[in-house]
Structure formats: structure tokens, C-alpha cells
């Protein structure tokens, strides 16, 4: 299946941020991107990989550790 290439504006909308954030990711080489002439595109698979790599899983607490002494 062919990968979809997203604009900076599309990536910002998907992440719920301004365009400045994906541009900073590109400038700092923290996300894979493709240059098409002077345009920059981010493969959807690279965006998904970035999200997966930065997802923090919740800590599961045991019930006994949540009790407090009165």
C-alpha cells in the first residue's frame, strides 16, 4: 500500500498543534520527511512512528499501594 504524504499544515491539524511544532520537528531532524522541490512532506507512516515512539503508557497501581493510613 502506498504511503500518504502530508503537508505541515495537515500534520499540525492531526497533532492538534500549530504549524510551528511540525516545522521544529523537521528542523531538529526528529521526524522523517521528504523534500519535493522546496516543499516538505511527511509520510503518514513516519508520523505514526513518531506518535508511537513518544506515547507514554500509564502506570498500573496495585490497590494496596493506594490505601492510606488514617
C-alpha atoms as a PDB file:
ATOM      1  CA  UNK A   1       0.000   0.000   0.000  1.00  0.00           C
ATOM      2  CA  UNK A   2       1.334   3.444  -0.923  1.00  0.00           C
ATOM      3  CA  UNK A   3       2.160   5.853   1.873  1.00  0.00           C
ATOM      4  CA  UNK A   4       0.259   9.140   2.042  1.00  0.00           C
ATOM      5  CA  UNK A   5       2.416  12.269   2.192  1.00  0.00           C
ATOM      6  CA  UNK A   6       1.114  15.021   4.455  1.00  0.00           C
ATOM      7  CA  UNK A   7       1.762  18.748   4.420  1.00  0.00           C
ATOM      8  CA  UNK A   8       2.999  20.543   7.515  1.00  0.00           C
ATOM      9  CA  UNK A   9      -0.493  22.011   7.965  1.00  0.00           C
ATOM     10  CA  UNK A  10      -2.100  18.558   7.812  1.00  0.00           C
ATOM     11  CA  UNK A  11       0.363  17.172  10.362  1.00  0.00           C
ATOM     12  CA  UNK A  12      -0.278  20.124  12.673  1.00  0.00           C
ATOM     13  CA  UNK A  13      -4.027  19.556  12.431  1.00  0.00           C
ATOM     14  CA  UNK A  14      -3.696  15.822  13.153  1.00  0.00           C
ATOM     15  CA  UNK A  15      -1.492  16.535  16.190  1.00  0.00           C
ATOM     16  CA  UNK A  16      -3.688  19.399  17.384  1.00  0.00           C
ATOM     17  CA  UNK A  17      -0.818  21.891  17.328  1.00  0.00           C
ATOM     18  CA  UNK A  18       0.247  24.929  15.357  1.00  0.00           C
ATOM     19  CA  UNK A  19       2.383  24.549  12.220  1.00  0.00           C
ATOM     20  CA  UNK A  20       5.402  25.655  14.207  1.00  0.00           C
ATOM     21  CA  UNK A  21       5.652  22.316  16.047  1.00  0.00           C
ATOM     22  CA  UNK A  22       5.987  20.028  12.986  1.00  0.00           C
ATOM     23  CA  UNK A  23       8.376  22.565  11.419  1.00  0.00           C
ATOM     24  CA  UNK A  24      10.535  22.355  14.544  1.00  0.00           C
ATOM     25  CA  UNK A  25      10.464  18.537  14.387  1.00  0.00           C
ATOM     26  CA  UNK A  26      11.700  18.780  10.804  1.00  0.00           C
ATOM     27  CA  UNK A  27      14.402  21.357  11.622  1.00  0.00           C
ATOM     28  CA  UNK A  28      15.678  19.230  14.517  1.00  0.00           C
ATOM     29  CA  UNK A  29      15.510  16.059  12.349  1.00  0.00           C
ATOM     30  CA  UNK A  30      13.234  14.375  14.918  1.00  0.00           C
ATOM     31  CA  UNK A  31      10.812  13.107  12.254  1.00  0.00           C
ATOM     32  CA  UNK A  32      11.389  11.653   8.793  1.00  0.00           C
ATOM     33  CA  UNK A  33      10.396  13.933   5.918  1.00  0.00           C
ATOM     34  CA  UNK A  34      10.655  14.230   2.151  1.00  0.00           C
ATOM     35  CA  UNK A  35      11.607  17.305   0.180  1.00  0.00           C
ATOM     36  CA  UNK A  36       9.702  17.799  -3.068  1.00  0.00           C
ATOM     37  CA  UNK A  37      11.445  20.788  -4.562  1.00  0.00           C
ATOM     38  CA  UNK A  38      11.088  23.430  -1.895  1.00  0.00           C
ATOM     39  CA  UNK A  39       8.039  21.744  -0.359  1.00  0.00           C
ATOM     40  CA  UNK A  40       8.263  19.440   2.637  1.00  0.00           C
ATOM     41  CA  UNK A  41       6.055  16.389   3.082  1.00  0.00           C
ATOM     42  CA  UNK A  42       5.865  13.979   5.991  1.00  0.00           C
ATOM     43  CA  UNK A  43       4.958  10.345   5.258  1.00  0.00           C
ATOM     44  CA  UNK A  44       1.958   9.196   7.267  1.00  0.00           C
ATOM     45  CA  UNK A  45       3.961   6.162   8.422  1.00  0.00           C
ATOM     46  CA  UNK A  46       6.666   8.487   9.824  1.00  0.00           C
ATOM     47  CA  UNK A  47       4.030  10.458  11.731  1.00  0.00           C
ATOM     48  CA  UNK A  48       2.559   7.239  13.161  1.00  0.00           C
ATOM     49  CA  UNK A  49       6.051   6.031  14.136  1.00  0.00           C
ATOM     50  CA  UNK A  50       6.763   9.383  15.849  1.00  0.00           C
ATOM     51  CA  UNK A  51       3.499   9.160  17.790  1.00  0.00           C
ATOM     52  CA  UNK A  52       4.172   5.528  18.791  1.00  0.00           C
ATOM     53  CA  UNK A  53       7.724   6.332  19.918  1.00  0.00           C
ATOM     54  CA  UNK A  54       6.522   9.215  22.095  1.00  0.00           C
ATOM     55  CA  UNK A  55       3.462   7.566  23.605  1.00  0.00           C
ATOM     56  CA  UNK A  56       3.741   7.157  27.366  1.00  0.00           C
ATOM     57  CA  UNK A  57       1.911   4.192  28.819  1.00  0.00           C
ATOM     58  CA  UNK A  58       0.046   4.616  32.134  1.00  0.00           C
ATOM     59  CA  UNK A  59       1.430   3.078  35.286  1.00  0.00           C
ATOM     60  CA  UNK A  60      -0.827   0.462  36.823  1.00  0.00           C
ATOM     61  CA  UNK A  61      -1.135   0.808  40.579  1.00  0.00           C
ATOM     62  CA  UNK A  62      -1.791  -2.036  42.917  1.00  0.00           C
ATOM     63  CA  UNK A  63      -4.773  -1.473  45.176  1.00  0.00           C
ATOM     64  CA  UNK A  64      -2.747  -1.972  48.370  1.00  0.00           C
ATOM     65  CA  UNK A  65      -0.392   0.878  47.443  1.00  0.00           C
ATOM     66  CA  UNK A  66      -3.311   3.288  47.083  1.00  0.00           C
ATOM     67  CA  UNK A  67      -4.535   2.880  50.657  1.00  0.00           C
ATOM     68  CA  UNK A  68      -3.507   5.445  53.203  1.00  0.00           C
ATOM     69  CA  UNK A  69      -3.305   5.142  56.942  1.00  0.00           C
ATOM     70  CA  UNK A  70      -5.813   7.265  58.841  1.00  0.00           C
END
